[in-house]
Structure formats: structure tokens, C-alpha cells
Amino acid sequence: MGNYHWITSPGPHNAETYLEQVGGETLSGAAFGGITATIGGKTYDTLPDSIPTGHFGPHNTTLGVRKEPTSFVARYQRNGQLNLSQATSFRGATFKSKIAIKPITTYRSWSNPTYEVGGYVSRTRPAGPLQTQLDLALAPQWGNKANHISEYEIPQFTPFYEGAAGVQPVKAIDGSDTLDQLPGGGNQILIIDKQVLDQWKTKK
């Protein structure tokens, strides 16, 4: 898609959609040369911190949110490289795959030190345990009281998945009847790159 089509498209018209739709030579120049703007004599980096590389979800298939396609092609169109459990952790099982083009600061809430490092993080710094449990749909049966916060940096050129945290059922214990549900809706990022996760573990 060229500049004309981007300009005349419904929008939104920002740096991220420009890179996503125009791509190609512009993408390479943006990733390695940078995009800047000067306001009041000061130069600002206007380049987004990541580039979308795919948009996944049930809209790509005729199956519902929690139905797994049987063919490899259909599974990829539906979930990308994620399994069904990972895909449905996003609201409506809908998310984007992206590549970081500059380091991204993220946060992870935890209570058990065993789970201090993990693939699920968020751009949003937690406002408190209760709000975090609601925004990220941290179901009580998982035992995460979200009373500790760790900060992790996604390195440049790391692939990741991003979307809104999905709704999760509230149960007394795993496997019991559903009592209620947590809304989710907060920013959720999933890292599946083992090398990045190992780096985070060494920095604890």
C-alpha cells in the first residue's frame, strides 16, 4: 500500500499504521534511520516502539473464540505461533504480533517468587494489587495477589504479542464452578522468546 492509499484510508493516521500499511522501503528506513519531529526547537523521537507484523483472532476463521482449527494453516491464521490457551488469554482471542524496534519498558505483577519472571507483562505500571487483578484478569484461584512489581525491558528486535487481557472466570479453586468473572481489558504483552526470558531471570 502506498502513501496515497494510507492518506485516503479511514485511519487512524499515525506512525504505527503508516509503517504497517506502507511498509517496505519506508519500514527499513524508519527502523534504522528513525523518524523525528521538531517542536519548539526540541527534537523528539516520533517512531513507535514496535512494528505490527500480523493481526490474529477468530475473525480469520469461521470458528468461535475457544474452538481450535484442525489444519496448520487455519491454526496459524487463528493463533499465529501461540497455542489456544495463550491466544485466548487475550480479549476475544484477538491480538497483534509485533517486533520491538527500540527497547520497551514493561511490568509484571506477582506474589510467589517462583513466578516473578514470566512471559506475560504489561506496558502499564500497576496502580495497586486490586486494580491490577481486575485489569489483567488475575483470577484468585491462580494465587497471584499482585503485591510485588518487577520491571523488565523488551530488547530491540524482539518479537512479541500484544492485545487486551481477556476475561477470566473466578472460581474457588481450579476445576470448580464459576462464581463470577474478572473483566480484564488492560494492556497485555506475551513474550515467548526463551532467550529474552532467560535474560530476565539472570537480572532478578
Protein backbone atom coordinates (compact mmCIF):
# COMPACT_ATOMS: atom_id res chain seq x y z
CA MET A 1 0.00 0.00 0.00
CA GLY A 2 1.38 3.42 -0.95
CA ASN A 3 1.19 6.87 0.62
CA TYR A 4 -1.98 7.82 -1.27
CA HIS A 5 -3.89 4.77 -0.04
CA TRP A 6 -2.73 5.39 3.53
CA ILE A 7 -3.80 9.05 3.39
CA THR A 8 -7.23 8.17 1.98
CA SER A 9 -7.80 5.19 4.29
CA PRO A 10 -10.30 5.51 7.22
CA GLY A 11 -7.44 5.77 9.75
CA PRO A 12 -6.21 6.14 12.39
CA HIS A 13 -3.35 8.01 10.72
CA ASN A 14 -0.28 7.67 12.90
CA ALA A 15 3.28 6.38 12.66
CA GLU A 16 2.29 2.82 13.56
CA THR A 17 -0.39 2.48 10.87
CA TYR A 18 1.89 4.19 8.34
CA LEU A 19 4.62 1.62 8.93
CA GLU A 20 2.10 -1.22 8.93
CA GLN A 21 0.36 -0.21 5.69
CA VAL A 22 3.12 1.39 3.62
CA GLY A 23 5.96 -0.87 4.84
CA GLY A 24 8.78 -1.94 2.54
CA GLU A 25 11.47 0.65 1.96
CA THR A 26 9.83 3.08 4.36
CA LEU A 27 9.81 0.42 7.08
CA SER A 28 13.55 -0.19 6.75
CA GLY A 29 14.32 3.50 6.79
CA ALA A 30 12.15 4.08 9.84
CA ALA A 31 13.56 1.17 11.80
CA PHE A 32 17.19 2.03 11.23
CA GLY A 33 17.15 5.73 10.40
CA GLY A 34 14.45 6.92 12.77
CA ILE A 35 11.60 9.39 12.47
CA THR A 36 11.88 12.67 14.35
CA ALA A 37 9.83 15.82 14.78
CA THR A 38 10.94 19.26 15.95
CA ILE A 39 8.61 21.17 18.28
CA GLY A 40 9.62 24.41 19.94
CA GLY A 41 13.24 23.92 18.93
CA LYS A 42 13.42 20.47 20.51
CA THR A 43 13.72 17.24 18.52
CA TYR A 44 11.53 14.32 19.56
CA ASP A 45 11.61 10.67 18.52
CA THR A 46 8.20 10.05 16.96
CA LEU A 47 8.90 6.50 15.87
CA PRO A 48 6.67 3.94 17.59
CA ASP A 49 8.48 1.42 19.75
CA SER A 50 7.26 -1.55 17.70
CA ILE A 51 6.05 -2.60 14.26
CA PRO A 52 2.93 -4.75 13.78
CA THR A 53 3.65 -7.89 11.75
CA GLY A 54 0.31 -9.68 11.98
CA HIS A 55 -3.26 -9.49 13.29
CA PHE A 56 -4.71 -12.71 14.67
CA GLY A 57 -8.03 -13.88 16.03
CA PRO A 58 -11.36 -15.56 15.31
CA HIS A 59 -12.01 -13.01 12.55
CA ASN A 60 -9.56 -15.04 10.44
CA THR A 61 -11.68 -18.22 10.67
CA THR A 62 -15.30 -19.30 10.91
CA LEU A 63 -14.66 -20.80 14.36
CA GLY A 64 -15.53 -19.25 17.70
CA VAL A 65 -13.14 -17.90 20.30
CA ARG A 66 -12.37 -21.19 22.06
CA LYS A 67 -12.55 -23.52 19.04
CA GLU A 68 -9.20 -24.76 17.69
CA PRO A 69 -8.84 -25.16 13.89
CA THR A 70 -7.59 -28.53 12.70
CA SER A 71 -5.32 -27.58 9.79
CA PHE A 72 -1.89 -25.98 10.26
CA VAL A 73 -2.73 -23.01 8.00
CA ALA A 74 -6.02 -22.32 9.78
CA ARG A 75 -4.32 -22.60 13.20
CA TYR A 76 -1.67 -20.09 12.16
CA GLN A 77 -4.27 -17.68 10.79
CA ARG A 78 -6.19 -18.01 14.04
CA ASN A 79 -3.41 -18.08 16.67
CA GLY A 80 -0.13 -17.17 14.97
CA GLN A 81 2.61 -19.08 16.83
CA LEU A 82 0.57 -19.25 20.04
CA ASN A 83 -1.34 -22.23 21.38
CA LEU A 84 -5.06 -21.94 22.07
CA SER A 85 -4.57 -21.24 25.78
CA GLN A 86 -2.16 -18.38 25.06
CA ALA A 87 -4.36 -16.96 22.30
CA THR A 88 -7.49 -16.96 24.46
CA SER A 89 -5.65 -15.12 27.26
CA PHE A 90 -6.26 -12.05 25.07
CA ARG A 91 -9.73 -10.47 24.92
CA GLY A 92 -11.74 -12.17 22.21
CA ALA A 93 -8.59 -14.17 21.39
CA THR A 94 -7.62 -11.17 19.25
CA PHE A 95 -4.10 -9.75 19.27
CA LYS A 96 -1.23 -8.44 17.13
CA SER A 97 2.21 -9.85 16.61
CA LYS A 98 4.88 -7.15 16.72
CA ILE A 99 8.63 -6.61 16.63
CA ALA A 100 10.27 -4.14 19.02
CA ILE A 101 12.30 -1.56 17.12
CA LYS A 102 13.54 0.03 20.32
CA PRO A 103 13.61 -1.18 23.94
CA ILE A 104 10.20 -1.27 25.65
CA THR A 105 9.73 -0.99 29.41
CA THR A 106 7.16 -3.41 30.81
CA TYR A 107 5.92 -4.51 34.24
CA ARG A 108 4.93 -7.79 35.83
CA SER A 109 2.88 -8.24 39.00
CA TRP A 110 3.44 -11.29 41.19
CA SER A 111 3.27 -12.65 44.73
CA ASN A 112 5.01 -16.05 44.54
CA PRO A 113 8.76 -15.59 43.81
CA THR A 114 8.58 -18.68 41.58
CA TYR A 115 6.57 -16.62 39.10
CA GLU A 116 8.50 -13.37 39.35
CA VAL A 117 9.67 -13.87 35.75
CA GLY A 118 7.25 -14.96 33.06
CA GLY A 119 6.11 -14.27 29.53
CA TYR A 120 3.08 -12.14 30.47
CA VAL A 121 3.91 -8.48 31.11
CA SER A 122 2.22 -5.11 30.59
CA ARG A 123 3.16 -1.66 29.36
CA THR A 124 1.06 -0.18 32.18
CA ARG A 125 2.70 0.24 35.57
CA PRO A 126 0.35 -1.35 38.14
CA ALA A 127 -1.73 1.10 40.16
CA GLY A 128 -2.22 -1.37 43.02
CA PRO A 129 -2.95 -5.07 43.63
CA LEU A 130 -6.76 -4.90 43.31
CA GLN A 131 -6.76 -2.76 40.17
CA THR A 132 -4.12 -5.00 38.61
CA GLN A 133 -6.16 -8.12 39.33
CA LEU A 134 -9.16 -6.51 37.61
CA ASP A 135 -7.30 -5.04 34.62
CA LEU A 136 -5.22 -8.16 33.90
CA ALA A 137 -7.92 -10.63 35.00
CA LEU A 138 -5.68 -12.36 37.52
CA ALA A 139 -8.12 -14.97 38.75
CA PRO A 140 -7.93 -15.64 42.52
CA GLN A 141 -7.68 -19.41 42.02
CA TRP A 142 -4.24 -18.77 40.47
CA GLY A 143 -2.99 -17.41 43.79
CA ASN A 144 -1.42 -14.24 42.35
CA LYS A 145 -2.12 -11.41 44.81
CA ALA A 146 -0.13 -8.98 42.60
CA ASN A 147 1.54 -7.36 45.63
CA HIS A 148 5.01 -7.21 44.04
CA ILE A 149 6.11 -5.47 40.84
CA SER A 150 9.11 -6.20 38.62
CA GLU A 151 10.23 -4.10 35.67
CA TYR A 152 11.53 -5.77 32.51
CA GLU A 153 12.83 -4.34 29.26
CA ILE A 154 11.92 -5.95 25.96
CA PRO A 155 15.11 -5.73 23.86
CA GLN A 156 15.21 -4.22 20.39
CA PHE A 157 14.15 -6.61 17.58
CA THR A 158 12.33 -8.96 19.96
CA PRO A 159 9.09 -10.44 18.57
CA PHE A 160 6.10 -10.31 20.91
CA TYR A 161 2.31 -10.46 21.02
CA GLU A 162 0.10 -7.65 22.31
CA GLY A 163 -3.56 -7.04 22.99
CA ALA A 164 -6.07 -6.52 25.79
CA ALA A 165 -6.17 -9.03 28.66
CA GLY A 166 -9.12 -11.38 28.26
CA VAL A 167 -11.98 -12.08 30.66
CA GLN A 168 -11.22 -14.84 33.17
CA PRO A 169 -13.65 -16.88 35.29
CA VAL A 170 -13.49 -16.58 39.06
CA LYS A 171 -13.53 -19.93 40.88
CA ALA A 172 -12.99 -21.05 44.47
CA ILE A 173 -10.36 -23.48 43.17
CA ASP A 174 -9.30 -24.65 39.73
CA GLY A 175 -11.86 -27.07 38.31
CA SER A 176 -14.75 -25.84 40.47
CA ASP A 177 -17.88 -23.99 39.33
CA THR A 178 -17.55 -20.46 38.01
CA LEU A 179 -18.62 -17.87 40.61
CA ASP A 180 -18.07 -14.67 38.65
CA GLN A 181 -15.61 -13.23 36.15
CA LEU A 182 -12.83 -10.64 36.04
CA PRO A 183 -13.19 -8.14 33.18
CA GLY A 184 -9.58 -7.77 32.04
CA GLY A 185 -9.10 -5.18 29.30
CA GLY A 186 -5.71 -3.93 30.48
CA ASN A 187 -2.66 -3.94 28.23
CA GLN A 188 -1.15 -7.41 27.92
CA ILE A 189 2.08 -8.45 26.22
CA LEU A 190 3.22 -12.03 25.78
CA ILE A 191 6.88 -12.89 25.23
CA ILE A 192 7.62 -16.44 24.06
CA ASP A 193 11.28 -15.85 23.17
CA LYS A 194 13.15 -18.12 25.61
CA GLN A 195 16.37 -16.13 25.25
CA VAL A 196 14.67 -12.96 26.46
CA LEU A 197 13.02 -14.76 29.38
CA ASP A 198 16.38 -16.26 30.36
CA GLN A 199 17.94 -12.78 30.28
CA TRP A 200 15.24 -11.52 32.62
CA LYS A 201 15.90 -14.40 35.02
CA THR A 202 19.59 -13.51 35.25
CA LYS A 203 18.70 -9.89 36.12
CA LYS A 204 16.45 -10.74 39.07
